[in-house]
Amino acid sequence: MSATPPTILVVEDDAIVRMLIVDVLEELEYKVLEADGSEQALTVLGAPSEQINLMMTDVGLPGMDGRELAIEARKLRPALKVLFASGYAESIDVPEGMHMIGKPFSIDQLRDKVKAILE
């Protein structure tokens, strides 16, 4: 019996970008949940039955941005690992214990970053 793959919640308001990220992560054999914004992400995070190992979120979300979402998410799940994705990575102040990947990123960069965070 194989171990359960880690679960990643992908929060991205651009449907095409979200689909591409989800496809890559599923190909890497992660279980992937999707949210199109902060509100939907918090609903998913609030479901206690769902194990989530990592939340990958766009920083520039409409309404509550990715940083605000991460703070709220950690209130629901204090041990949640967070990976921000942004085209403006160098100008983002990443909270302690959270990670950043700059857009655009390659499949290899995403694979390596996620693997490093989850280990």
C-alpha atoms as a PDB file:
ATOM      1  CA  MET A   1       0.000   0.000   0.000  1.00  0.00           C
ATOM      2  CA  SER A   2       1.516   3.326  -1.044  1.00  0.00           C
ATOM      3  CA  ALA A   3       1.569   6.429   1.109  1.00  0.00           C
ATOM      4  CA  THR A   4      -1.071   9.067   0.514  1.00  0.00           C
ATOM      5  CA  PRO A   5       0.353  11.815  -1.701  1.00  0.00           C
ATOM      6  CA  PRO A   6       0.615  15.295  -0.187  1.00  0.00           C
ATOM      7  CA  THR A   7      -2.358  17.579  -0.859  1.00  0.00           C
ATOM      8  CA  ILE A   8      -1.802  21.027  -2.326  1.00  0.00           C
ATOM      9  CA  LEU A   9      -4.429  23.767  -2.459  1.00  0.00           C
ATOM     10  CA  VAL A  10      -3.851  25.990  -5.502  1.00  0.00           C
ATOM     11  CA  VAL A  11      -5.363  29.485  -5.192  1.00  0.00           C
ATOM     12  CA  GLU A  12      -5.268  31.410  -8.467  1.00  0.00           C
ATOM     13  CA  ASP A  13      -7.886  33.742  -9.956  1.00  0.00           C
ATOM     14  CA  ASP A  14      -6.689  33.257 -13.549  1.00  0.00           C
ATOM     15  CA  ALA A  15      -8.404  30.033 -14.694  1.00  0.00           C
ATOM     16  CA  ILE A  16      -5.792  29.191 -17.354  1.00  0.00           C
ATOM     17  CA  VAL A  17      -2.838  29.699 -14.989  1.00  0.00           C
ATOM     18  CA  ARG A  18      -4.636  27.687 -12.285  1.00  0.00           C
ATOM     19  CA  MET A  19      -5.340  24.853 -14.741  1.00  0.00           C
ATOM     20  CA  LEU A  20      -1.678  24.727 -15.842  1.00  0.00           C
ATOM     21  CA  ILE A  21      -0.392  24.636 -12.251  1.00  0.00           C
ATOM     22  CA  VAL A  22      -2.928  21.964 -11.279  1.00  0.00           C
ATOM     23  CA  ASP A  23      -1.999  19.834 -14.311  1.00  0.00           C
ATOM     24  CA  VAL A  24       1.710  20.020 -13.474  1.00  0.00           C
ATOM     25  CA  LEU A  25       1.188  19.183  -9.794  1.00  0.00           C
ATOM     26  CA  GLU A  26      -1.129  16.272 -10.630  1.00  0.00           C
ATOM     27  CA  GLU A  27       1.446  14.966 -13.094  1.00  0.00           C
ATOM     28  CA  LEU A  28       3.960  15.104 -10.223  1.00  0.00           C
ATOM     29  CA  GLU A  29       1.472  12.863  -8.350  1.00  0.00           C
ATOM     30  CA  TYR A  30       0.228  15.355  -5.775  1.00  0.00           C
ATOM     31  CA  LYS A  31      -3.420  15.497  -4.786  1.00  0.00           C
ATOM     32  CA  VAL A  32      -4.600  18.956  -5.820  1.00  0.00           C
ATOM     33  CA  LEU A  33      -7.515  21.084  -4.648  1.00  0.00           C
ATOM     34  CA  GLU A  34      -8.419  24.331  -6.420  1.00  0.00           C
ATOM     35  CA  ALA A  35      -9.796  27.715  -5.419  1.00  0.00           C
ATOM     36  CA  ASP A  36     -10.386  30.731  -7.646  1.00  0.00           C
ATOM     37  CA  GLY A  37      -9.910  33.236  -4.830  1.00  0.00           C
ATOM     38  CA  SER A  38      -9.487  33.819  -1.119  1.00  0.00           C
ATOM     39  CA  GLU A  39     -13.121  33.239  -0.167  1.00  0.00           C
ATOM     40  CA  GLN A  40     -13.244  29.831  -1.829  1.00  0.00           C
ATOM     41  CA  ALA A  41      -9.819  28.955  -0.386  1.00  0.00           C
ATOM     42  CA  LEU A  42     -10.947  29.733   3.157  1.00  0.00           C
ATOM     43  CA  THR A  43     -14.018  27.534   2.648  1.00  0.00           C
ATOM     44  CA  VAL A  44     -11.780  24.644   1.570  1.00  0.00           C
ATOM     45  CA  LEU A  45      -9.349  25.282   4.440  1.00  0.00           C
ATOM     46  CA  GLY A  46     -12.243  25.382   6.907  1.00  0.00           C
ATOM     47  CA  ALA A  47     -13.318  21.829   6.001  1.00  0.00           C
ATOM     48  CA  PRO A  48     -11.693  19.783   8.767  1.00  0.00           C
ATOM     49  CA  SER A  49     -11.994  16.522   6.839  1.00  0.00           C
ATOM     50  CA  GLU A  50      -9.554  17.700   4.163  1.00  0.00           C
ATOM     51  CA  GLN A  51      -5.824  17.192   4.824  1.00  0.00           C
ATOM     52  CA  ILE A  52      -3.865  20.031   3.171  1.00  0.00           C
ATOM     53  CA  ASN A  53      -0.067  20.010   3.270  1.00  0.00           C
ATOM     54  CA  LEU A  54       0.636  23.142   1.223  1.00  0.00           C
ATOM     55  CA  MET A  55      -1.271  26.170  -0.050  1.00  0.00           C
ATOM     56  CA  MET A  56       0.152  27.694  -3.226  1.00  0.00           C
ATOM     57  CA  THR A  57      -1.398  31.105  -3.751  1.00  0.00           C
ATOM     58  CA  ASP A  58      -1.077  33.966  -6.165  1.00  0.00           C
ATOM     59  CA  VAL A  59      -0.153  37.151  -4.328  1.00  0.00           C
ATOM     60  CA  GLY A  60      -2.295  39.415  -6.516  1.00  0.00           C
ATOM     61  CA  LEU A  61      -5.766  38.084  -5.813  1.00  0.00           C
ATOM     62  CA  PRO A  62      -8.817  40.361  -6.046  1.00  0.00           C
ATOM     63  CA  GLY A  63     -10.271  41.313  -2.669  1.00  0.00           C
ATOM     64  CA  MET A  64      -8.177  39.667   0.023  1.00  0.00           C
ATOM     65  CA  ASP A  65      -4.673  39.309  -1.438  1.00  0.00           C
ATOM     66  CA  GLY A  66      -2.458  36.263  -1.049  1.00  0.00           C
ATOM     67  CA  ARG A  67      -0.598  37.587   1.998  1.00  0.00           C
ATOM     68  CA  GLU A  68      -3.851  38.339   3.828  1.00  0.00           C
ATOM     69  CA  LEU A  69      -5.174  34.925   2.807  1.00  0.00           C
ATOM     70  CA  ALA A  70      -2.061  33.235   4.212  1.00  0.00           C
ATOM     71  CA  ILE A  71      -2.529  34.982   7.568  1.00  0.00           C
ATOM     72  CA  GLU A  72      -6.192  33.890   7.733  1.00  0.00           C
ATOM     73  CA  ALA A  73      -5.305  30.383   6.543  1.00  0.00           C
ATOM     74  CA  ARG A  74      -2.738  30.004   9.330  1.00  0.00           C
ATOM     75  CA  LYS A  75      -5.445  30.922  11.864  1.00  0.00           C
ATOM     76  CA  LEU A  76      -7.428  27.909  10.609  1.00  0.00           C
ATOM     77  CA  ARG A  77      -4.396  25.655  10.138  1.00  0.00           C
ATOM     78  CA  PRO A  78      -1.344  26.889  12.076  1.00  0.00           C
ATOM     79  CA  ALA A  79       1.021  24.314  10.552  1.00  0.00           C
ATOM     80  CA  LEU A  80       0.007  25.016   6.934  1.00  0.00           C
ATOM     81  CA  LYS A  81       2.927  25.484   4.573  1.00  0.00           C
ATOM     82  CA  VAL A  82       2.493  28.421   2.177  1.00  0.00           C
ATOM     83  CA  LEU A  83       4.039  29.091  -1.239  1.00  0.00           C
ATOM     84  CA  PHE A  84       3.389  32.475  -2.837  1.00  0.00           C
ATOM     85  CA  ALA A  85       3.568  32.869  -6.612  1.00  0.00           C
ATOM     86  CA  SER A  86       4.114  36.344  -8.010  1.00  0.00           C
ATOM     87  CA  GLY A  87       5.425  38.134 -11.057  1.00  0.00           C
ATOM     88  CA  TYR A  88       6.793  40.725  -8.624  1.00  0.00           C
ATOM     89  CA  ALA A  89       8.659  38.315  -6.352  1.00  0.00           C
ATOM     90  CA  GLU A  90      11.533  40.660  -5.554  1.00  0.00           C
ATOM     91  CA  SER A  91       9.199  43.335  -4.173  1.00  0.00           C
ATOM     92  CA  ILE A  92       7.185  41.036  -1.900  1.00  0.00           C
ATOM     93  CA  ASP A  93       7.906  40.789   1.817  1.00  0.00           C
ATOM     94  CA  VAL A  94       7.438  37.083   2.533  1.00  0.00           C
ATOM     95  CA  PRO A  95       6.301  36.324   6.098  1.00  0.00           C
ATOM     96  CA  GLU A  96       8.556  34.071   8.157  1.00  0.00           C
ATOM     97  CA  GLY A  97       8.050  30.381   7.479  1.00  0.00           C
ATOM     98  CA  MET A  98       6.473  31.006   4.071  1.00  0.00           C
ATOM     99  CA  HIS A  99       8.007  30.671   0.621  1.00  0.00           C
ATOM    100  CA  MET A 100       8.032  32.455  -2.751  1.00  0.00           C
ATOM    101  CA  ILE A 101       8.336  31.428  -6.391  1.00  0.00           C
ATOM    102  CA  GLY A 102       8.552  34.061  -9.127  1.00  0.00           C
ATOM    103  CA  LYS A 103       6.287  33.958 -12.170  1.00  0.00           C
ATOM    104  CA  PRO A 104       6.855  32.805 -14.769  1.00  0.00           C
ATOM    105  CA  PHE A 105       8.401  29.610 -13.436  1.00  0.00           C
ATOM    106  CA  SER A 106       9.388  26.392 -15.171  1.00  0.00           C
ATOM    107  CA  ILE A 107       7.937  22.977 -14.390  1.00  0.00           C
ATOM    108  CA  ASP A 108      11.321  22.022 -12.913  1.00  0.00           C
ATOM    109  CA  GLN A 109      11.400  25.115 -10.682  1.00  0.00           C
ATOM    110  CA  LEU A 110       7.885  24.384  -9.417  1.00  0.00           C
ATOM    111  CA  ARG A 111       8.681  20.699  -8.824  1.00  0.00           C
ATOM    112  CA  ASP A 112      11.896  21.494  -6.933  1.00  0.00           C
ATOM    113  CA  LYS A 113      10.328  24.258  -4.829  1.00  0.00           C
ATOM    114  CA  VAL A 114       7.294  22.187  -3.810  1.00  0.00           C
ATOM    115  CA  LYS A 115       9.451  19.149  -3.041  1.00  0.00           C
ATOM    116  CA  ALA A 116      11.796  21.250  -0.868  1.00  0.00           C
ATOM    117  CA  ILE A 117       8.896  22.788   1.064  1.00  0.00           C
ATOM    118  CA  LEU A 118       7.160  19.481   1.701  1.00  0.00           C
ATOM    119  CA  GLU A 119      10.300  17.637   2.890  1.00  0.00           C
END
